[in-house]
Every structure is written in structure tokens, then in C-alpha cells.
C-alpha atoms as a PDB file:
ATOM      1  CA  UNK A   1     166.710   9.308  52.305  1.00  0.00           C
ATOM      2  CA  UNK A   2     168.959   6.252  52.212  1.00  0.00           C
ATOM      3  CA  UNK A   3     166.456   4.302  54.318  1.00  0.00           C
ATOM      4  CA  UNK A   4     163.598   5.244  51.984  1.00  0.00           C
ATOM      5  CA  UNK A   5     165.600   4.194  48.931  1.00  0.00           C
ATOM      6  CA  UNK A   6     166.490   0.906  50.624  1.00  0.00           C
ATOM      7  CA  UNK A   7     162.840   0.234  51.466  1.00  0.00           C
ATOM      8  CA  UNK A   8     161.742   0.914  47.895  1.00  0.00           C
ATOM      9  CA  UNK A   9     164.462  -1.379  46.545  1.00  0.00           C
ATOM     10  CA  UNK A  10     163.418  -4.124  48.968  1.00  0.00           C
ATOM     11  CA  UNK A  11     159.749  -3.791  47.945  1.00  0.00           C
ATOM     12  CA  UNK A  12     160.644  -3.980  44.240  1.00  0.00           C
ATOM     13  CA  UNK A  13     162.762  -7.116  44.750  1.00  0.00           C
ATOM     14  CA  UNK A  14     160.086  -8.830  46.815  1.00  0.00           C
ATOM     15  CA  UNK A  15     157.434  -7.885  44.258  1.00  0.00           C
ATOM     16  CA  UNK A  16     159.474  -9.417  41.427  1.00  0.00           C
ATOM     17  CA  UNK A  17     160.019 -12.598  43.433  1.00  0.00           C
ATOM     18  CA  UNK A  18     156.325 -12.895  44.321  1.00  0.00           C
ATOM     19  CA  UNK A  19     155.317 -12.274  40.700  1.00  0.00           C
ATOM     20  CA  UNK A  20     157.629 -15.042  39.485  1.00  0.00           C
ATOM     21  CA  UNK A  21     156.125 -17.460  42.001  1.00  0.00           C
ATOM     22  CA  UNK A  22     152.547 -16.532  41.096  1.00  0.00           C
ATOM     23  CA  UNK A  23     153.132 -16.662  37.337  1.00  0.00           C
ATOM     24  CA  UNK A  24     154.814 -20.057  37.695  1.00  0.00           C
ATOM     25  CA  UNK A  25     151.715 -21.239  39.557  1.00  0.00           C
ATOM     26  CA  UNK A  26     149.433 -19.944  36.798  1.00  0.00           C
ATOM     27  CA  UNK A  27     151.157 -21.984  34.063  1.00  0.00           C
ATOM     28  CA  UNK A  28     150.463 -25.231  35.896  1.00  0.00           C
ATOM     29  CA  UNK A  29     147.623 -27.416  34.542  1.00  0.00           C
ATOM     30  CA  UNK A  30     144.874 -25.966  36.748  1.00  0.00           C
ATOM     31  CA  UNK A  31     145.927 -22.406  35.993  1.00  0.00           C
ATOM     32  CA  UNK A  32     146.000 -23.083  32.255  1.00  0.00           C
ATOM     33  CA  UNK A  33     142.568 -24.711  32.412  1.00  0.00           C
ATOM     34  CA  UNK A  34     141.125 -21.569  33.997  1.00  0.00           C
ATOM     35  CA  UNK A  35     142.817 -19.410  31.356  1.00  0.00           C
ATOM     36  CA  UNK A  36     141.763 -21.490  28.354  1.00  0.00           C
ATOM     37  CA  UNK A  37     138.231 -22.385  29.473  1.00  0.00           C
ATOM     38  CA  UNK A  38     136.703 -19.140  28.104  1.00  0.00           C
ATOM     39  CA  UNK A  39     138.442 -19.815  24.782  1.00  0.00           C
ATOM     40  CA  UNK A  40     136.914 -23.277  24.539  1.00  0.00           C
ATOM     41  CA  UNK A  41     133.477 -21.924  25.495  1.00  0.00           C
ATOM     42  CA  UNK A  42     133.600 -19.094  22.951  1.00  0.00           C
ATOM     43  CA  UNK A  43     134.843 -21.476  20.245  1.00  0.00           C
ATOM     44  CA  UNK A  44     131.930 -23.864  20.872  1.00  0.00           C
ATOM     45  CA  UNK A  45     129.401 -21.021  20.874  1.00  0.00           C
ATOM     46  CA  UNK A  46     130.825 -19.631  17.634  1.00  0.00           C
ATOM     47  CA  UNK A  47     130.539 -23.082  16.070  1.00  0.00           C
ATOM     48  CA  UNK A  48     126.888 -23.173  17.176  1.00  0.00           C
ATOM     49  CA  UNK A  49     126.195 -19.769  15.581  1.00  0.00           C
ATOM     50  CA  UNK A  50     126.669 -17.303  18.464  1.00  0.00           C
ATOM     51  CA  UNK A  51     127.566 -14.546  16.008  1.00  0.00           C
ATOM     52  CA  UNK A  52     124.138 -14.750  14.360  1.00  0.00           C
ATOM     53  CA  UNK A  53     122.256 -15.108  17.656  1.00  0.00           C
ATOM     54  CA  UNK A  54     123.596 -11.783  18.857  1.00  0.00           C
ATOM     55  CA  UNK A  55     122.660  -9.729  15.817  1.00  0.00           C
ATOM     56  CA  UNK A  56     125.478 -10.262  13.334  1.00  0.00           C
ATOM     57  CA  UNK A  57     129.194  -9.420  13.269  1.00  0.00           C
ATOM     58  CA  UNK A  58     128.800  -5.723  14.067  1.00  0.00           C
ATOM     59  CA  UNK A  59     126.704  -6.157  17.215  1.00  0.00           C
ATOM     60  CA  UNK A  60     128.767  -9.150  18.280  1.00  0.00           C
ATOM     61  CA  UNK A  61     131.902  -6.991  18.047  1.00  0.00           C
ATOM     62  CA  UNK A  62     130.225  -4.408  20.268  1.00  0.00           C
ATOM     63  CA  UNK A  63     129.586  -7.081  22.911  1.00  0.00           C
ATOM     64  CA  UNK A  64     133.170  -8.388  22.800  1.00  0.00           C
ATOM     65  CA  UNK A  65     134.533  -4.851  23.178  1.00  0.00           C
ATOM     66  CA  UNK A  66     132.280  -4.388  26.195  1.00  0.00           C
ATOM     67  CA  UNK A  67     133.544  -7.691  27.586  1.00  0.00           C
ATOM     68  CA  UNK A  68     137.097  -6.339  27.571  1.00  0.00           C
ATOM     69  CA  UNK A  69     136.054  -3.312  29.633  1.00  0.00           C
ATOM     70  CA  UNK A  70     134.169  -5.519  32.096  1.00  0.00           C
ATOM     71  CA  UNK A  71     137.040  -8.019  32.409  1.00  0.00           C
ATOM     72  CA  UNK A  72     139.528  -5.354  33.450  1.00  0.00           C
ATOM     73  CA  UNK A  73     137.112  -3.475  35.706  1.00  0.00           C
ATOM     74  CA  UNK A  74     135.911  -6.570  37.570  1.00  0.00           C
ATOM     75  CA  UNK A  75     139.504  -7.689  38.113  1.00  0.00           C
ATOM     76  CA  UNK A  76     140.506  -4.281  39.452  1.00  0.00           C
ATOM     77  CA  UNK A  77     137.521  -3.910  41.776  1.00  0.00           C
ATOM     78  CA  UNK A  78     135.994  -7.294  42.605  1.00  0.00           C
ATOM     79  CA  UNK A  79     138.757  -9.885  42.161  1.00  0.00           C
ATOM     80  CA  UNK A  80     141.430  -7.772  43.842  1.00  0.00           C
ATOM     81  CA  UNK A  81     139.232  -6.832  46.804  1.00  0.00           C
ATOM     82  CA  UNK A  82     138.019 -10.433  47.232  1.00  0.00           C
ATOM     83  CA  UNK A  83     141.602 -11.702  47.201  1.00  0.00           C
ATOM     84  CA  UNK A  84     142.659  -9.183  49.839  1.00  0.00           C
ATOM     85  CA  UNK A  85     139.713 -10.115  52.075  1.00  0.00           C
ATOM     86  CA  UNK A  86     140.383 -13.854  51.731  1.00  0.00           C
ATOM     87  CA  UNK A  87     144.110 -13.485  52.398  1.00  0.00           C
ATOM     88  CA  UNK A  88     143.593 -11.638  55.652  1.00  0.00           C
ATOM     89  CA  UNK A  89     141.484 -14.570  56.817  1.00  0.00           C
ATOM     90  CA  UNK A  90     143.917 -17.362  55.887  1.00  0.00           C
ATOM     91  CA  UNK A  91     147.033 -15.646  57.245  1.00  0.00           C
ATOM     92  CA  UNK A  92     148.709 -14.861  53.911  1.00  0.00           C
ATOM     93  CA  UNK A  93     148.892 -11.141  54.626  1.00  0.00           C
ATOM     94  CA  UNK A  94     150.147 -11.799  58.150  1.00  0.00           C
ATOM     95  CA  UNK A  95     153.032 -13.870  56.783  1.00  0.00           C
ATOM     96  CA  UNK A  96     153.814 -11.176  54.208  1.00  0.00           C
ATOM     97  CA  UNK A  97     153.886  -8.567  56.967  1.00  0.00           C
ATOM     98  CA  UNK A  98     156.753 -10.356  58.743  1.00  0.00           C
ATOM     99  CA  UNK A  99     159.161  -9.345  55.941  1.00  0.00           C
ATOM    100  CA  UNK A 100     160.476  -5.778  55.587  1.00  0.00           C
ATOM    101  CA  UNK A 101     158.309  -4.242  52.879  1.00  0.00           C
ATOM    102  CA  UNK A 102     156.631  -7.607  52.403  1.00  0.00           C
ATOM    103  CA  UNK A 103     153.092  -6.319  52.902  1.00  0.00           C
ATOM    104  CA  UNK A 104     153.301  -3.658  50.174  1.00  0.00           C
ATOM    105  CA  UNK A 105     155.197  -6.037  47.877  1.00  0.00           C
ATOM    106  CA  UNK A 106     152.532  -8.713  48.255  1.00  0.00           C
ATOM    107  CA  UNK A 107     149.713  -6.291  47.351  1.00  0.00           C
ATOM    108  CA  UNK A 108     151.655  -5.013  44.317  1.00  0.00           C
ATOM    109  CA  UNK A 109     152.407  -8.558  43.156  1.00  0.00           C
ATOM    110  CA  UNK A 110     148.769  -9.573  43.539  1.00  0.00           C
ATOM    111  CA  UNK A 111     147.673  -6.549  41.533  1.00  0.00           C
ATOM    112  CA  UNK A 112     150.211  -7.289  38.793  1.00  0.00           C
ATOM    113  CA  UNK A 113     149.334 -10.980  38.481  1.00  0.00           C
ATOM    114  CA  UNK A 114     145.559 -10.562  38.589  1.00  0.00           C
ATOM    115  CA  UNK A 115     145.612  -7.732  36.059  1.00  0.00           C
ATOM    116  CA  UNK A 116     147.954  -9.552  33.696  1.00  0.00           C
ATOM    117  CA  UNK A 117     145.851 -12.705  33.900  1.00  0.00           C
ATOM    118  CA  UNK A 118     142.604 -10.873  33.114  1.00  0.00           C
ATOM    119  CA  UNK A 119     144.150  -8.959  30.206  1.00  0.00           C
ATOM    120  CA  UNK A 120     145.701 -12.090  28.715  1.00  0.00           C
ATOM    121  CA  UNK A 121     142.373 -13.903  29.037  1.00  0.00           C
ATOM    122  CA  UNK A 122     140.479 -11.049  27.369  1.00  0.00           C
ATOM    123  CA  UNK A 123     142.996 -10.764  24.523  1.00  0.00           C
ATOM    124  CA  UNK A 124     142.920 -14.530  23.938  1.00  0.00           C
ATOM    125  CA  UNK A 125     139.128 -14.371  23.687  1.00  0.00           C
ATOM    126  CA  UNK A 126     139.404 -11.494  21.192  1.00  0.00           C
ATOM    127  CA  UNK A 127     141.942 -13.467  19.124  1.00  0.00           C
ATOM    128  CA  UNK A 128     139.660 -16.505  19.249  1.00  0.00           C
ATOM    129  CA  UNK A 129     136.736 -14.446  17.963  1.00  0.00           C
ATOM    130  CA  UNK A 130     138.895 -12.941  15.198  1.00  0.00           C
ATOM    131  CA  UNK A 131     140.100 -16.356  14.024  1.00  0.00           C
ATOM    132  CA  UNK A 132     136.748 -18.096  14.525  1.00  0.00           C
ATOM    133  CA  UNK A 133     134.869 -15.520  12.438  1.00  0.00           C
ATOM    134  CA  UNK A 134     137.612 -15.042   9.809  1.00  0.00           C
ATOM    135  CA  UNK A 135     137.891 -11.365  10.657  1.00  0.00           C
ATOM    136  CA  UNK A 136     134.186 -10.563  10.188  1.00  0.00           C
ATOM    137  CA  UNK A 137     133.840  -9.169  13.718  1.00  0.00           C
ATOM    138  CA  UNK A 138     137.113  -7.257  14.061  1.00  0.00           C
ATOM    139  CA  UNK A 139     139.447  -5.744  11.518  1.00  0.00           C
ATOM    140  CA  UNK A 140     143.141  -5.636  12.283  1.00  0.00           C
ATOM    141  CA  UNK A 141     144.116  -1.967  12.336  1.00  0.00           C
ATOM    142  CA  UNK A 142     146.726   0.184  14.023  1.00  0.00           C
ATOM    143  CA  UNK A 143     144.111   1.652  16.361  1.00  0.00           C
ATOM    144  CA  UNK A 144     143.972  -1.651  18.265  1.00  0.00           C
ATOM    145  CA  UNK A 145     147.343  -0.741  19.772  1.00  0.00           C
ATOM    146  CA  UNK A 146     145.393   1.763  21.857  1.00  0.00           C
ATOM    147  CA  UNK A 147     144.189  -1.237  23.881  1.00  0.00           C
ATOM    148  CA  UNK A 148     147.550  -1.139  25.703  1.00  0.00           C
ATOM    149  CA  UNK A 149     147.163   2.380  27.160  1.00  0.00           C
ATOM    150  CA  UNK A 150     143.452   1.655  27.677  1.00  0.00           C
ATOM    151  CA  UNK A 151     144.329  -1.340  29.849  1.00  0.00           C
ATOM    152  CA  UNK A 152     146.766   0.759  31.869  1.00  0.00           C
ATOM    153  CA  UNK A 153     144.092   3.434  32.305  1.00  0.00           C
ATOM    154  CA  UNK A 154     141.437   0.907  33.364  1.00  0.00           C
ATOM    155  CA  UNK A 155     143.758  -0.706  35.922  1.00  0.00           C
ATOM    156  CA  UNK A 156     144.867   2.678  37.262  1.00  0.00           C
ATOM    157  CA  UNK A 157     141.259   3.744  37.827  1.00  0.00           C
ATOM    158  CA  UNK A 158     139.746   0.521  39.177  1.00  0.00           C
ATOM    159  CA  UNK A 159     142.523  -1.141  41.214  1.00  0.00           C
ATOM    160  CA  UNK A 160     142.699   1.591  43.892  1.00  0.00           C
ATOM    161  CA  UNK A 161     138.952   1.085  44.389  1.00  0.00           C
ATOM    162  CA  UNK A 162     139.557  -2.653  44.842  1.00  0.00           C
ATOM    163  CA  UNK A 163     142.299  -1.977  47.375  1.00  0.00           C
ATOM    164  CA  UNK A 164     140.051   0.402  49.317  1.00  0.00           C
ATOM    165  CA  UNK A 165     137.105  -2.027  49.289  1.00  0.00           C
ATOM    166  CA  UNK A 166     139.272  -4.960  50.349  1.00  0.00           C
ATOM    167  CA  UNK A 167     141.317  -2.995  52.864  1.00  0.00           C
ATOM    168  CA  UNK A 168     138.370  -1.628  54.811  1.00  0.00           C
ATOM    169  CA  UNK A 169     136.415  -4.929  54.776  1.00  0.00           C
ATOM    170  CA  UNK A 170     136.955  -6.918  57.975  1.00  0.00           C
ATOM    171  CA  UNK A 171     135.032 -10.100  57.176  1.00  0.00           C
ATOM    172  CA  UNK A 172     134.476 -12.466  54.263  1.00  0.00           C
ATOM    173  CA  UNK A 173     130.862 -11.316  54.094  1.00  0.00           C
ATOM    174  CA  UNK A 174     132.235  -8.099  52.642  1.00  0.00           C
ATOM    175  CA  UNK A 175     132.762  -9.976  49.366  1.00  0.00           C
ATOM    176  CA  UNK A 176     128.987 -10.339  48.992  1.00  0.00           C
ATOM    177  CA  UNK A 177     128.389  -6.599  49.283  1.00  0.00           C
ATOM    178  CA  UNK A 178     131.276  -5.729  46.951  1.00  0.00           C
ATOM    179  CA  UNK A 179     130.067  -8.297  44.394  1.00  0.00           C
ATOM    180  CA  UNK A 180     126.512  -6.985  44.497  1.00  0.00           C
ATOM    181  CA  UNK A 181     127.694  -3.395  44.059  1.00  0.00           C
ATOM    182  CA  UNK A 182     130.073  -4.286  41.210  1.00  0.00           C
ATOM    183  CA  UNK A 183     127.546  -6.292  39.201  1.00  0.00           C
ATOM    184  CA  UNK A 184     124.872  -3.660  39.767  1.00  0.00           C
ATOM    185  CA  UNK A 185     127.308  -1.103  38.367  1.00  0.00           C
ATOM    186  CA  UNK A 186     127.947  -3.313  35.327  1.00  0.00           C
ATOM    187  CA  UNK A 187     124.193  -3.659  34.799  1.00  0.00           C
ATOM    188  CA  UNK A 188     123.527   0.087  34.628  1.00  0.00           C
ATOM    189  CA  UNK A 189     126.661   1.152  32.706  1.00  0.00           C
ATOM    190  CA  UNK A 190     125.456   0.462  29.121  1.00  0.00           C
ATOM    191  CA  UNK A 191     127.948  -2.371  28.852  1.00  0.00           C
ATOM    192  CA  UNK A 192     125.807  -5.023  27.170  1.00  0.00           C
ATOM    193  CA  UNK A 193     122.739  -3.048  26.107  1.00  0.00           C
ATOM    194  CA  UNK A 194     122.057   0.544  24.956  1.00  0.00           C
ATOM    195  CA  UNK A 195     121.068   3.463  27.153  1.00  0.00           C
ATOM    196  CA  UNK A 196     117.538   3.454  25.730  1.00  0.00           C
ATOM    197  CA  UNK A 197     116.824   0.305  27.756  1.00  0.00           C
ATOM    198  CA  UNK A 198     117.082   2.225  31.031  1.00  0.00           C
ATOM    199  CA  UNK A 199     115.386   5.290  32.530  1.00  0.00           C
ATOM    200  CA  UNK A 200     117.295   8.527  32.035  1.00  0.00           C
ATOM    201  CA  UNK A 201     117.890   9.059  35.764  1.00  0.00           C
ATOM    202  CA  UNK A 202     119.697   5.703  35.977  1.00  0.00           C
ATOM    203  CA  UNK A 203     121.940   6.764  33.108  1.00  0.00           C
ATOM    204  CA  UNK A 204     122.877   9.866  35.093  1.00  0.00           C
ATOM    205  CA  UNK A 205     123.755   7.689  38.080  1.00  0.00           C
ATOM    206  CA  UNK A 206     125.914   5.410  35.892  1.00  0.00           C
ATOM    207  CA  UNK A 207     127.763   8.432  34.452  1.00  0.00           C
ATOM    208  CA  UNK A 208     129.109   9.222  37.923  1.00  0.00           C
ATOM    209  CA  UNK A 209     131.086   5.955  37.957  1.00  0.00           C
ATOM    210  CA  UNK A 210     134.092   5.003  35.807  1.00  0.00           C
ATOM    211  CA  UNK A 211     132.810   1.784  34.226  1.00  0.00           C
ATOM    212  CA  UNK A 212     130.414   3.592  31.884  1.00  0.00           C
ATOM    213  CA  UNK A 213     133.257   5.621  30.388  1.00  0.00           C
ATOM    214  CA  UNK A 214     135.664   2.685  30.202  1.00  0.00           C
ATOM    215  CA  UNK A 215     133.036   0.861  28.156  1.00  0.00           C
ATOM    216  CA  UNK A 216     132.740   3.788  25.747  1.00  0.00           C
ATOM    217  CA  UNK A 217     136.531   3.947  25.328  1.00  0.00           C
ATOM    218  CA  UNK A 218     136.861   0.194  24.679  1.00  0.00           C
ATOM    219  CA  UNK A 219     134.099   0.251  22.059  1.00  0.00           C
ATOM    220  CA  UNK A 220     135.553   3.352  20.446  1.00  0.00           C
ATOM    221  CA  UNK A 221     138.862   1.522  19.984  1.00  0.00           C
ATOM    222  CA  UNK A 222     137.550  -1.838  18.792  1.00  0.00           C
ATOM    223  CA  UNK A 223     134.271  -1.099  16.972  1.00  0.00           C
ATOM    224  CA  UNK A 224     134.754   0.535  13.566  1.00  0.00           C
ATOM    225  CA  UNK A 225     131.150   0.401  12.351  1.00  0.00           C
ATOM    226  CA  UNK A 226     129.722   3.931  12.745  1.00  0.00           C
ATOM    227  CA  UNK A 227     126.126   2.695  12.497  1.00  0.00           C
ATOM    228  CA  UNK A 228     126.592   0.412  15.500  1.00  0.00           C
ATOM    229  CA  UNK A 229     128.299   3.144  17.524  1.00  0.00           C
ATOM    230  CA  UNK A 230     125.455   5.547  16.778  1.00  0.00           C
ATOM    231  CA  UNK A 231     122.844   2.893  17.597  1.00  0.00           C
ATOM    232  CA  UNK A 232     124.231   2.406  21.080  1.00  0.00           C
ATOM    233  CA  UNK A 233     125.199   6.030  21.634  1.00  0.00           C
ATOM    234  CA  UNK A 234     128.427   7.960  21.230  1.00  0.00           C
ATOM    235  CA  UNK A 235     129.324  10.705  23.732  1.00  0.00           C
ATOM    236  CA  UNK A 236     129.607  14.240  22.441  1.00  0.00           C
ATOM    237  CA  UNK A 237     132.894  16.191  22.928  1.00  0.00           C
ATOM    238  CA  UNK A 238     131.380  17.879  25.980  1.00  0.00           C
ATOM    239  CA  UNK A 239     130.361  14.522  27.436  1.00  0.00           C
ATOM    240  CA  UNK A 240     133.840  13.147  26.792  1.00  0.00           C
ATOM    241  CA  UNK A 241     135.284  15.983  28.861  1.00  0.00           C
ATOM    242  CA  UNK A 242     132.935  15.021  31.677  1.00  0.00           C
ATOM    243  CA  UNK A 243     133.947  11.379  31.287  1.00  0.00           C
ATOM    244  CA  UNK A 244     137.659  12.170  31.492  1.00  0.00           C
ATOM    245  CA  UNK A 245     137.015  14.283  34.581  1.00  0.00           C
ATOM    246  CA  UNK A 246     135.085  11.386  36.181  1.00  0.00           C
ATOM    247  CA  UNK A 247     137.961   8.970  35.541  1.00  0.00           C
ATOM    248  CA  UNK A 248     140.533  11.388  36.931  1.00  0.00           C
ATOM    249  CA  UNK A 249     138.449  12.073  40.046  1.00  0.00           C
ATOM    250  CA  UNK A 250     137.953   8.354  40.762  1.00  0.00           C
ATOM    251  CA  UNK A 251     141.679   7.743  40.277  1.00  0.00           C
ATOM    252  CA  UNK A 252     142.565  10.531  42.715  1.00  0.00           C
ATOM    253  CA  UNK A 253     139.995   9.313  45.246  1.00  0.00           C
ATOM    254  CA  UNK A 254     141.415   5.801  45.034  1.00  0.00           C
ATOM    255  CA  UNK A 255     145.005   7.007  45.380  1.00  0.00           C
ATOM    256  CA  UNK A 256     144.050   9.145  48.387  1.00  0.00           C
ATOM    257  CA  UNK A 257     142.243   6.378  50.273  1.00  0.00           C
ATOM    258  CA  UNK A 258     144.396   3.381  49.244  1.00  0.00           C
ATOM    259  CA  UNK A 259     147.250   4.078  51.708  1.00  0.00           C
ATOM    260  CA  UNK A 260     144.720   4.548  54.515  1.00  0.00           C
ATOM    261  CA  UNK A 261     142.982   1.291  53.624  1.00  0.00           C
ATOM    262  CA  UNK A 262     146.295  -0.562  53.519  1.00  0.00           C
ATOM    263  CA  UNK A 263     147.350   0.865  56.897  1.00  0.00           C
ATOM    264  CA  UNK A 264     144.041  -0.238  58.424  1.00  0.00           C
ATOM    265  CA  UNK A 265     144.469  -3.664  56.825  1.00  0.00           C
ATOM    266  CA  UNK A 266     148.032  -3.957  58.109  1.00  0.00           C
ATOM    267  CA  UNK A 267     147.019  -3.087  61.680  1.00  0.00           C
ATOM    268  CA  UNK A 268     144.450  -5.895  61.660  1.00  0.00           C
ATOM    269  CA  UNK A 269     147.010  -8.565  60.774  1.00  0.00           C
ATOM    270  CA  UNK A 270     147.933 -10.414  63.980  1.00  0.00           C
ATOM    271  CA  UNK A 271     148.047 -13.956  65.278  1.00  0.00           C
ATOM    272  CA  UNK A 272     145.034 -13.217  67.456  1.00  0.00           C
ATOM    273  CA  UNK A 273     142.918 -12.614  64.342  1.00  0.00           C
ATOM    274  CA  UNK A 274     143.684 -16.102  63.059  1.00  0.00           C
ATOM    275  CA  UNK A 275     142.675 -17.938  66.238  1.00  0.00           C
ATOM    276  CA  UNK A 276     139.784 -20.375  65.814  1.00  0.00           C
ATOM    277  CA  UNK A 277     136.529 -18.791  66.918  1.00  0.00           C
ATOM    278  CA  UNK A 278     135.957 -21.467  69.565  1.00  0.00           C
ATOM    279  CA  UNK A 279     139.342 -20.960  71.247  1.00  0.00           C
ATOM    280  CA  UNK A 280     138.814 -17.226  71.302  1.00  0.00           C
ATOM    281  CA  UNK A 281     135.360 -17.604  72.844  1.00  0.00           C
ATOM    282  CA  UNK A 282     136.664 -19.972  75.536  1.00  0.00           C
ATOM    283  CA  UNK A 283     139.416 -17.559  76.536  1.00  0.00           C
ATOM    284  CA  UNK A 284     136.953 -14.695  76.712  1.00  0.00           C
ATOM    285  CA  UNK A 285     134.726 -16.715  79.036  1.00  0.00           C
ATOM    286  CA  UNK A 286     137.674 -17.680  81.246  1.00  0.00           C
ATOM    287  CA  UNK A 287     138.817 -14.061  81.531  1.00  0.00           C
ATOM    288  CA  UNK A 288     135.348 -12.699  82.270  1.00  0.00           C
ATOM    289  CA  UNK A 289     134.996 -11.524  85.878  1.00  0.00           C
ATOM    290  CA  UNK A 290     132.600 -13.575  87.963  1.00  0.00           C
ATOM    291  CA  UNK A 291     129.570 -11.505  88.818  1.00  0.00           C
ATOM    292  CA  UNK A 292     127.585 -11.773  92.006  1.00  0.00           C
END
């Protein structure tokens, strides 16, 4: 019991240290440029009349609410998994593994930093839209505080999937497959266009995955215009029960497989993995038995 408590304490300390290092890196010029670039882009588009292009303030608000759901989901699934895959190639995870509890601490720190960065970026974009449109798109109301538990929910559901996808992927090419699957899921989940644009069977497929329901929750919090909500569809109480069950099931699946994915990832971290391909091939040829 004492050993377990000591390990947990060590992981927490290492996670805090890694988070401080990563956050300090993000506030450097290049990190700030990446964070503020969407703000500049949205500001320019608003100045050019983006609000009117996309159907007026109500429909524009629907799109921004959907953007928040996508930002968190893509970070939890795609960005996290891609980071894990890249770091097992460049030796970052191998170096983290040399410290007691360092491997778990590094994954937790990565998750914390990536999630915080995506949420801050999304909230800055929302604030930019609010200021740039003088409040025509969003009204400030107490219900917006629900974005905090929504963000926690979205991260809890999607990040285990990112860990599983990144942990079981052995090569950088895995990023291509994960990206294709993630963007295909975004495309069919009624994020940026209503369900009437797709065949009914594809809507059923989308309902099996969490992103569809995260989009509904985000729009329910941020969009106050009932006509817009009805235009793009609002789940019935029975459908909401199904949606909650889907989110819970995906969370439990992710929690069940995440430790297994991390153990598989940890076993693959060795100096041999980082050898240049040419050196490895030469040694294999030298060690091959001479036939004939």
C-alpha cells in the first residue's frame, strides 16, 4: 500500500513538472502564434461579412457551437493519438520511461496540455465572435457555465479513445488511418449540416459514436434560438437516454482498453526501436546464417 501511494505521488509530481514545462513552451512566440491565429482569421472573416454568408446570426451561432464540440473531440482522439505515435518514434516516450512513473506522468501531462490548449483556443474564438458581432450571435447567460462540465465530459469520453488509437499504433502511418476515421466521423455526425442532408442509415451509424451526441449537447448549451434548434433537429427524451448510454459505453470501453494500450506502448519503447533503419538492416544481414 505504501509503495502504491508513493508511486501515485511520484506520478502526480512528475505530471505537474511536465505540465509547467509544456505550458511555458506554449506561451513562447510560436506557441502564441498558433493560439491566436484562429482569432485573427475569424476576425478578418467577420469583417468581410462571414456572419451573413452563413445564414445570419442564428445559424452562425449553431456553427460556432458545433466548432467547440469538434475542437475538443479532435484533440481527444486525433491530436492525442498523433502525439503519442510521433513520440514513440522520436524517443520521447523512451526517455520518459526511464523515470519511475515517468511514462504515465508524461501521458497525463500531454493530455492535460493538449486539452487545455484546445479549450482555450475554442473559448477565445467564441469570445472573438461575441465581441465582433456585438452579441448578435451569442447572448451571455448563466447556462454558458455548463460549457465547463461539457468540456470535462467531452475529454473524458474522447481522450481514452485517443490513447487506445495511439497506443496500439506501431508506425507513423497509423496517423493517416486515425485522421481519415476521425474526419469521416465528423462528416456524418450532423456537426456542420442537418441530418436531412444524409441518408437515414448513415444517421443511425453516426448515433453509435459519441461525437454526434457531443454536438447536440454543445448546441443545446450555446444556441438559444428554438427555431434553429428545431431546424437542425433536437433529440427527444428517449433519444437523449440513448445518447447518454452511448457516451457512457464509449467512456467505459476507453477506460477498459487504455491501460492495455499503454502497456503495449510501454513494451515497445527500447533503444532498438530507435535505431536507424539502415543500421538495423545491416546487422540483420550480418547475423543471417550463410546458406548453401
